[in-house]
PDB file of N, CA and C in Angstrom:
ATOM      1  N   UNK A   1      13.696  -7.873  33.464  1.00  0.00           N
ATOM      2  CA  UNK A   1      13.510  -7.231  32.169  1.00  0.00           C
ATOM      3  C   UNK A   1      12.221  -7.747  31.546  1.00  0.00           C
ATOM      4  N   UNK A   2      11.549  -6.880  30.815  1.00  0.00           N
ATOM      5  CA  UNK A   2      10.283  -7.233  30.192  1.00  0.00           C
ATOM      6  C   UNK A   2      10.464  -7.856  28.825  1.00  0.00           C
ATOM      7  N   UNK A   3       9.423  -7.754  28.041  1.00  0.00           N
ATOM      8  CA  UNK A   3       9.378  -8.332  26.708  1.00  0.00           C
ATOM      9  C   UNK A   3       9.690  -7.263  25.669  1.00  0.00           C
ATOM     10  N   UNK A   4      10.402  -7.649  24.603  1.00  0.00           N
ATOM     11  CA  UNK A   4      10.641  -6.756  23.471  1.00  0.00           C
ATOM     12  C   UNK A   4       9.722  -7.176  22.335  1.00  0.00           C
ATOM     13  N   UNK A   5       8.955  -6.235  21.831  1.00  0.00           N
ATOM     14  CA  UNK A   5       8.041  -6.468  20.720  1.00  0.00           C
ATOM     15  C   UNK A   5       8.595  -5.769  19.487  1.00  0.00           C
ATOM     16  N   UNK A   6       8.678  -6.497  18.372  1.00  0.00           N
ATOM     17  CA  UNK A   6       9.178  -5.946  17.113  1.00  0.00           C
ATOM     18  C   UNK A   6       7.994  -5.442  16.294  1.00  0.00           C
ATOM     19  N   UNK A   7       8.101  -4.225  15.791  1.00  0.00           N
ATOM     20  CA  UNK A   7       7.085  -3.645  14.919  1.00  0.00           C
ATOM     21  C   UNK A   7       7.797  -3.117  13.675  1.00  0.00           C
ATOM     22  N   UNK A   8       7.656  -3.836  12.564  1.00  0.00           N
ATOM     23  CA  UNK A   8       8.308  -3.460  11.310  1.00  0.00           C
ATOM     24  C   UNK A   8       7.286  -2.740  10.431  1.00  0.00           C
ATOM     25  N   UNK A   9       7.448  -1.435  10.284  1.00  0.00           N
ATOM     26  CA  UNK A   9       6.509  -0.631   9.504  1.00  0.00           C
ATOM     27  C   UNK A   9       7.160  -0.064   8.239  1.00  0.00           C
ATOM     28  N   UNK A  10       8.292  -0.609   7.852  1.00  0.00           N
ATOM     29  CA  UNK A  10       9.055  -0.065   6.713  1.00  0.00           C
ATOM     30  C   UNK A  10       8.266  -0.028   5.417  1.00  0.00           C
ATOM     31  N   UNK A  11       7.368  -0.986   5.210  1.00  0.00           N
ATOM     32  CA  UNK A  11       6.658  -1.062   3.935  1.00  0.00           C
ATOM     33  C   UNK A  11       5.251  -0.473   3.979  1.00  0.00           C
ATOM     34  N   UNK A  12       4.887   0.147   5.092  1.00  0.00           N
ATOM     35  CA  UNK A  12       3.540   0.694   5.223  1.00  0.00           C
ATOM     36  C   UNK A  12       3.490   2.153   4.776  1.00  0.00           C
ATOM     37  N   UNK A  13       2.391   2.545   4.099  1.00  0.00           N
ATOM     38  CA  UNK A  13       2.249   3.947   3.700  1.00  0.00           C
ATOM     39  C   UNK A  13       1.777   4.794   4.886  1.00  0.00           C
ATOM     40  N   UNK A  14       2.087   6.087   4.862  1.00  0.00           N
ATOM     41  CA  UNK A  14       1.592   6.970   5.919  1.00  0.00           C
ATOM     42  C   UNK A  14       0.055   7.024   5.864  1.00  0.00           C
ATOM     43  N   UNK A  15      -0.606   7.151   6.943  1.00  0.00           N
ATOM     44  CA  UNK A  15      -0.143   7.308   8.321  1.00  0.00           C
ATOM     45  C   UNK A  15      -0.120   5.992   9.110  1.00  0.00           C
ATOM     46  N   UNK A  16      -0.124   4.850   8.404  1.00  0.00           N
ATOM     47  CA  UNK A  16      -0.201   3.556   9.094  1.00  0.00           C
ATOM     48  C   UNK A  16       0.918   3.319  10.111  1.00  0.00           C
ATOM     49  N   UNK A  17       2.180   3.669   9.836  1.00  0.00           N
ATOM     50  CA  UNK A  17       3.209   3.438  10.859  1.00  0.00           C
ATOM     51  C   UNK A  17       2.893   4.144  12.180  1.00  0.00           C
ATOM     52  N   UNK A  18       2.468   5.387  12.088  1.00  0.00           N
ATOM     53  CA  UNK A  18       2.125   6.141  13.296  1.00  0.00           C
ATOM     54  C   UNK A  18       0.932   5.507  14.007  1.00  0.00           C
ATOM     55  N   UNK A  19      -0.085   5.125  13.248  1.00  0.00           N
ATOM     56  CA  UNK A  19      -1.268   4.507  13.843  1.00  0.00           C
ATOM     57  C   UNK A  19      -0.918   3.196  14.533  1.00  0.00           C
ATOM     58  N   UNK A  20      -0.084   2.393  13.895  1.00  0.00           N
ATOM     59  CA  UNK A  20       0.259   1.095  14.480  1.00  0.00           C
ATOM     60  C   UNK A  20       1.027   1.241  15.782  1.00  0.00           C
ATOM     61  N   UNK A  21       1.991   2.159  15.830  1.00  0.00           N
ATOM     62  CA  UNK A  21       2.756   2.311  17.068  1.00  0.00           C
ATOM     63  C   UNK A  21       1.864   2.868  18.172  1.00  0.00           C
ATOM     64  N   UNK A  22       1.014   3.832  17.860  1.00  0.00           N
ATOM     65  CA  UNK A  22       0.122   4.394  18.874  1.00  0.00           C
ATOM     66  C   UNK A  22      -0.867   3.353  19.391  1.00  0.00           C
ATOM     67  N   UNK A  23      -1.312   2.457  18.520  1.00  0.00           N
ATOM     68  CA  UNK A  23      -2.228   1.388  18.943  1.00  0.00           C
ATOM     69  C   UNK A  23      -1.567   0.409  19.907  1.00  0.00           C
ATOM     70  N   UNK A  24      -0.262   0.216  19.793  1.00  0.00           N
ATOM     71  CA  UNK A  24       0.437  -0.775  20.622  1.00  0.00           C
ATOM     72  C   UNK A  24       0.941  -0.223  21.960  1.00  0.00           C
ATOM     73  N   UNK A  25       1.066   1.075  22.078  1.00  0.00           N
ATOM     74  CA  UNK A  25       1.618   1.658  23.299  1.00  0.00           C
ATOM     75  C   UNK A  25       0.843   1.303  24.569  1.00  0.00           C
ATOM     76  N   UNK A  26      -0.484   1.325  24.564  1.00  0.00           N
ATOM     77  CA  UNK A  26      -1.193   1.008  25.808  1.00  0.00           C
ATOM     78  C   UNK A  26      -0.910  -0.398  26.335  1.00  0.00           C
ATOM     79  N   UNK A  27      -0.480  -1.299  25.478  1.00  0.00           N
ATOM     80  CA  UNK A  27      -0.210  -2.681  25.894  1.00  0.00           C
ATOM     81  C   UNK A  27       1.178  -2.869  26.492  1.00  0.00           C
ATOM     82  N   UNK A  28       2.044  -1.855  26.412  1.00  0.00           N
ATOM     83  CA  UNK A  28       3.401  -1.995  26.953  1.00  0.00           C
ATOM     84  C   UNK A  28       3.370  -1.921  28.477  1.00  0.00           C
ATOM     85  N   UNK A  29       3.842  -2.970  29.101  1.00  0.00           N
ATOM     86  CA  UNK A  29       3.952  -3.004  30.562  1.00  0.00           C
ATOM     87  C   UNK A  29       5.287  -2.383  30.967  1.00  0.00           C
ATOM     88  N   UNK A  30       5.426  -1.974  32.218  1.00  0.00           N
ATOM     89  CA  UNK A  30       6.730  -1.485  32.675  1.00  0.00           C
ATOM     90  C   UNK A  30       7.813  -2.533  32.404  1.00  0.00           C
ATOM     91  N   UNK A  31       8.902  -2.102  31.807  1.00  0.00           N
ATOM     92  CA  UNK A  31       9.991  -3.010  31.455  1.00  0.00           C
ATOM     93  C   UNK A  31       9.918  -3.540  30.035  1.00  0.00           C
ATOM     94  N   UNK A  32       8.747  -3.425  29.377  1.00  0.00           N
ATOM     95  CA  UNK A  32       8.604  -3.851  27.985  1.00  0.00           C
ATOM     96  C   UNK A  32       9.194  -2.800  27.052  1.00  0.00           C
ATOM     97  N   UNK A  33       9.573  -3.246  25.850  1.00  0.00           N
ATOM     98  CA  UNK A  33      10.137  -2.350  24.832  1.00  0.00           C
ATOM     99  C   UNK A  33       9.444  -2.625  23.506  1.00  0.00           C
ATOM    100  N   UNK A  34       9.062  -1.575  22.810  1.00  0.00           N
ATOM    101  CA  UNK A  34       8.568  -1.680  21.447  1.00  0.00           C
ATOM    102  C   UNK A  34       9.717  -1.272  20.534  1.00  0.00           C
ATOM    103  N   UNK A  35      10.172  -2.205  19.706  1.00  0.00           N
ATOM    104  CA  UNK A  35      11.315  -1.999  18.805  1.00  0.00           C
ATOM    105  C   UNK A  35      10.741  -1.787  17.405  1.00  0.00           C
ATOM    106  N   UNK A  36      10.651  -0.530  17.002  1.00  0.00           N
ATOM    107  CA  UNK A  36      10.047  -0.179  15.726  1.00  0.00           C
ATOM    108  C   UNK A  36      11.121  -0.030  14.655  1.00  0.00           C
ATOM    109  N   UNK A  37      10.869  -0.639  13.490  1.00  0.00           N
ATOM    110  CA  UNK A  37      11.756  -0.506  12.327  1.00  0.00           C
ATOM    111  C   UNK A  37      11.007   0.318  11.284  1.00  0.00           C
ATOM    112  N   UNK A  38      11.646   1.399  10.846  1.00  0.00           N
ATOM    113  CA  UNK A  38      10.973   2.356   9.968  1.00  0.00           C
ATOM    114  C   UNK A  38      11.928   2.783   8.862  1.00  0.00           C
ATOM    115  N   UNK A  39      11.393   3.129   7.715  1.00  0.00           N
ATOM    116  CA  UNK A  39      12.237   3.553   6.591  1.00  0.00           C
ATOM    117  C   UNK A  39      12.654   5.018   6.704  1.00  0.00           C
ATOM    118  N   UNK A  40      11.992   5.768   7.589  1.00  0.00           N
ATOM    119  CA  UNK A  40      12.343   7.174   7.789  1.00  0.00           C
ATOM    120  C   UNK A  40      12.179   7.524   9.258  1.00  0.00           C
ATOM    121  N   UNK A  41      12.776   8.604   9.662  1.00  0.00           N
ATOM    122  CA  UNK A  41      12.679   8.974  11.076  1.00  0.00           C
ATOM    123  C   UNK A  41      11.319   9.626  11.344  1.00  0.00           C
ATOM    124  N   UNK A  42      10.549   9.088  12.288  1.00  0.00           N
ATOM    125  CA  UNK A  42       9.181   9.570  12.530  1.00  0.00           C
ATOM    126  C   UNK A  42       9.140  10.760  13.499  1.00  0.00           C
ATOM    127  N   UNK A  43       9.615  11.917  13.056  1.00  0.00           N
ATOM    128  CA  UNK A  43       9.691  13.094  13.926  1.00  0.00           C
ATOM    129  C   UNK A  43       8.365  13.446  14.612  1.00  0.00           C
ATOM    130  N   UNK A  44       7.199  13.354  13.936  1.00  0.00           N
ATOM    131  CA  UNK A  44       5.948  13.699  14.624  1.00  0.00           C
ATOM    132  C   UNK A  44       5.634  12.781  15.817  1.00  0.00           C
ATOM    133  N   UNK A  45       6.203  11.592  15.819  1.00  0.00           N
ATOM    134  CA  UNK A  45       5.936  10.640  16.894  1.00  0.00           C
ATOM    135  C   UNK A  45       6.568  11.057  18.220  1.00  0.00           C
ATOM    136  N   UNK A  46       7.731  11.672  18.187  1.00  0.00           N
ATOM    137  CA  UNK A  46       8.498  11.913  19.415  1.00  0.00           C
ATOM    138  C   UNK A  46       7.770  12.768  20.453  1.00  0.00           C
ATOM    139  N   UNK A  47       7.174  13.908  20.088  1.00  0.00           N
ATOM    140  CA  UNK A  47       6.446  14.662  21.113  1.00  0.00           C
ATOM    141  C   UNK A  47       5.211  13.920  21.619  1.00  0.00           C
ATOM    142  N   UNK A  48       4.599  13.122  20.757  1.00  0.00           N
ATOM    143  CA  UNK A  48       3.445  12.325  21.183  1.00  0.00           C
ATOM    144  C   UNK A  48       3.864  11.319  22.248  1.00  0.00           C
ATOM    145  N   UNK A  49       5.012  10.675  22.031  1.00  0.00           N
ATOM    146  CA  UNK A  49       5.511   9.710  23.013  1.00  0.00           C
ATOM    147  C   UNK A  49       5.729  10.385  24.362  1.00  0.00           C
ATOM    148  N   UNK A  50       6.375  11.538  24.352  1.00  0.00           N
ATOM    149  CA  UNK A  50       6.647  12.253  25.605  1.00  0.00           C
ATOM    150  C   UNK A  50       5.346  12.626  26.307  1.00  0.00           C
ATOM    151  N   UNK A  51       4.371  13.103  25.556  1.00  0.00           N
ATOM    152  CA  UNK A  51       3.081  13.487  26.143  1.00  0.00           C
ATOM    153  C   UNK A  51       2.342  12.297  26.745  1.00  0.00           C
ATOM    154  N   UNK A  52       2.591  11.106  26.196  1.00  0.00           N
ATOM    155  CA  UNK A  52       1.911   9.896  26.669  1.00  0.00           C
ATOM    156  C   UNK A  52       2.703   9.159  27.749  1.00  0.00           C
ATOM    157  N   UNK A  53       3.867   9.694  28.131  1.00  0.00           N
ATOM    158  CA  UNK A  53       4.647   9.072  29.196  1.00  0.00           C
ATOM    159  C   UNK A  53       5.614   7.999  28.731  1.00  0.00           C
ATOM    160  N   UNK A  54       6.069   8.113  27.475  1.00  0.00           N
ATOM    161  CA  UNK A  54       7.014   7.148  26.932  1.00  0.00           C
ATOM    162  C   UNK A  54       8.329   7.834  26.582  1.00  0.00           C
ATOM    163  N   UNK A  55       9.396   7.082  26.634  1.00  0.00           N
ATOM    164  CA  UNK A  55      10.717   7.544  26.222  1.00  0.00           C
ATOM    165  C   UNK A  55      11.119   6.765  24.972  1.00  0.00           C
ATOM    166  N   UNK A  56      12.129   7.257  24.271  1.00  0.00           N
ATOM    167  CA  UNK A  56      12.580   6.563  23.062  1.00  0.00           C
ATOM    168  C   UNK A  56      14.074   6.782  22.858  1.00  0.00           C
ATOM    169  N   UNK A  57      14.638   5.906  22.053  1.00  0.00           N
ATOM    170  CA  UNK A  57      16.032   6.036  21.618  1.00  0.00           C
ATOM    171  C   UNK A  57      16.081   5.605  20.158  1.00  0.00           C
ATOM    172  N   UNK A  58      16.777   6.376  19.328  1.00  0.00           N
ATOM    173  CA  UNK A  58      16.901   6.082  17.897  1.00  0.00           C
ATOM    174  C   UNK A  58      18.228   5.381  17.652  1.00  0.00           C
ATOM    175  N   UNK A  59      18.163   4.309  16.864  1.00  0.00           N
ATOM    176  CA  UNK A  59      19.347   3.553  16.461  1.00  0.00           C
ATOM    177  C   UNK A  59      19.365   3.564  14.933  1.00  0.00           C
ATOM    178  N   UNK A  60      20.539   3.672  14.333  1.00  0.00           N
ATOM    179  CA  UNK A  60      20.625   3.642  12.871  1.00  0.00           C
ATOM    180  C   UNK A  60      21.598   2.552  12.428  1.00  0.00           C
ATOM    181  N   UNK A  61      21.143   1.286  12.445  1.00  0.00           N
ATOM    182  CA  UNK A  61      22.010   0.201  11.986  1.00  0.00           C
ATOM    183  C   UNK A  61      22.159   0.236  10.465  1.00  0.00           C
ATOM    184  N   UNK A  62      23.145  -0.471   9.924  1.00  0.00           N
ATOM    185  CA  UNK A  62      23.386  -0.408   8.485  1.00  0.00           C
ATOM    186  C   UNK A  62      22.287  -1.047   7.632  1.00  0.00           C
ATOM    187  N   UNK A  63      21.538  -2.015   8.168  1.00  0.00           N
ATOM    188  CA  UNK A  63      20.566  -2.738   7.345  1.00  0.00           C
ATOM    189  C   UNK A  63      19.147  -2.176   7.414  1.00  0.00           C
ATOM    190  N   UNK A  64      18.863  -1.261   8.324  1.00  0.00           N
ATOM    191  CA  UNK A  64      17.538  -0.657   8.465  1.00  0.00           C
ATOM    192  C   UNK A  64      17.748   0.846   8.621  1.00  0.00           C
ATOM    193  N   UNK A  65      17.018   1.672   7.857  1.00  0.00           N
ATOM    194  CA  UNK A  65      17.242   3.109   7.992  1.00  0.00           C
ATOM    195  C   UNK A  65      17.084   3.627   9.431  1.00  0.00           C
ATOM    196  N   UNK A  66      16.002   3.265  10.110  1.00  0.00           N
ATOM    197  CA  UNK A  66      15.800   3.741  11.480  1.00  0.00           C
ATOM    198  C   UNK A  66      15.179   2.650  12.335  1.00  0.00           C
ATOM    199  N   UNK A  67      15.695   2.517  13.532  1.00  0.00           N
ATOM    200  CA  UNK A  67      15.083   1.668  14.541  1.00  0.00           C
ATOM    201  C   UNK A  67      14.861   2.547  15.757  1.00  0.00           C
ATOM    202  N   UNK A  68      13.666   2.476  16.301  1.00  0.00           N
ATOM    203  CA  UNK A  68      13.317   3.299  17.452  1.00  0.00           C
ATOM    204  C   UNK A  68      12.890   2.371  18.581  1.00  0.00           C
ATOM    205  N   UNK A  69      13.565   2.474  19.712  1.00  0.00           N
ATOM    206  CA  UNK A  69      13.191   1.726  20.904  1.00  0.00           C
ATOM    207  C   UNK A  69      12.286   2.620  21.737  1.00  0.00           C
ATOM    208  N   UNK A  70      11.142   2.086  22.148  1.00  0.00           N
ATOM    209  CA  UNK A  70      10.156   2.854  22.904  1.00  0.00           C
ATOM    210  C   UNK A  70       9.829   2.089  24.177  1.00  0.00           C
ATOM    211  N   UNK A  71       9.809   2.790  25.317  1.00  0.00           N
ATOM    212  CA  UNK A  71       9.485   2.163  26.598  1.00  0.00           C
ATOM    213  C   UNK A  71       8.809   3.193  27.487  1.00  0.00           C
ATOM    214  N   UNK A  72       8.173   2.715  28.541  1.00  0.00           N
ATOM    215  CA  UNK A  72       7.539   3.617  29.506  1.00  0.00           C
ATOM    216  C   UNK A  72       8.619   4.451  30.185  1.00  0.00           C
ATOM    217  N   UNK A  73       8.408   5.762  30.227  1.00  0.00           N
ATOM    218  CA  UNK A  73       9.422   6.674  30.760  1.00  0.00           C
ATOM    219  C   UNK A  73       9.717   6.419  32.234  1.00  0.00           C
ATOM    220  N   UNK A  74       8.777   5.826  32.957  1.00  0.00           N
ATOM    221  CA  UNK A  74       9.012   5.556  34.377  1.00  0.00           C
ATOM    222  C   UNK A  74       9.715   4.218  34.608  1.00  0.00           C
ATOM    223  N   UNK A  75      10.076   3.531  33.520  1.00  0.00           N
ATOM    224  CA  UNK A  75      10.786   2.257  33.625  1.00  0.00           C
ATOM    225  C   UNK A  75      12.242   2.411  33.227  1.00  0.00           C
ATOM    226  N   UNK A  76      12.994   1.316  33.315  1.00  0.00           N
ATOM    227  CA  UNK A  76      14.414   1.372  32.960  1.00  0.00           C
ATOM    228  C   UNK A  76      14.615   1.516  31.451  1.00  0.00           C
ATOM    229  N   UNK A  77      15.661   2.231  31.086  1.00  0.00           N
ATOM    230  CA  UNK A  77      16.014   2.340  29.676  1.00  0.00           C
ATOM    231  C   UNK A  77      16.532   0.990  29.206  1.00  0.00           C
ATOM    232  N   UNK A  78      16.139   0.542  28.000  1.00  0.00           N
ATOM    233  CA  UNK A  78      16.629  -0.746  27.501  1.00  0.00           C
ATOM    234  C   UNK A  78      18.152  -0.791  27.479  1.00  0.00           C
ATOM    235  N   UNK A  79      18.684  -1.913  27.905  1.00  0.00           N
ATOM    236  CA  UNK A  79      20.130  -2.099  27.907  1.00  0.00           C
ATOM    237  C   UNK A  79      20.818  -1.595  29.151  1.00  0.00           C
ATOM    238  N   UNK A  80      20.041  -1.116  30.135  1.00  0.00           N
ATOM    239  CA  UNK A  80      20.637  -0.682  31.398  1.00  0.00           C
ATOM    240  C   UNK A  80      20.203  -1.640  32.499  1.00  0.00           C
ATOM    241  N   UNK A  81      21.071  -1.881  33.472  1.00  0.00           N
ATOM    242  CA  UNK A  81      20.707  -2.827  34.540  1.00  0.00           C
ATOM    243  C   UNK A  81      19.644  -2.273  35.467  1.00  0.00           C
TER     244      UNK A  81
END
């Protein structure tokens, strides 16, 4: 399993959350996960991720409005063996 990187963009104004996640994607190695915490669901991001070869999963825990796990689509989904 790779490394999980936390990216908390809850307090950033638009378009900084989108810019920050896009800036970090090239550094993700196979098996790495970018765990983004956001105050709203970033719908414009999802097609961009797919076009760039990344997959994602949305989690909605009680303490953070949205958490999005992002990984290389050709790698394992986080939490799977």
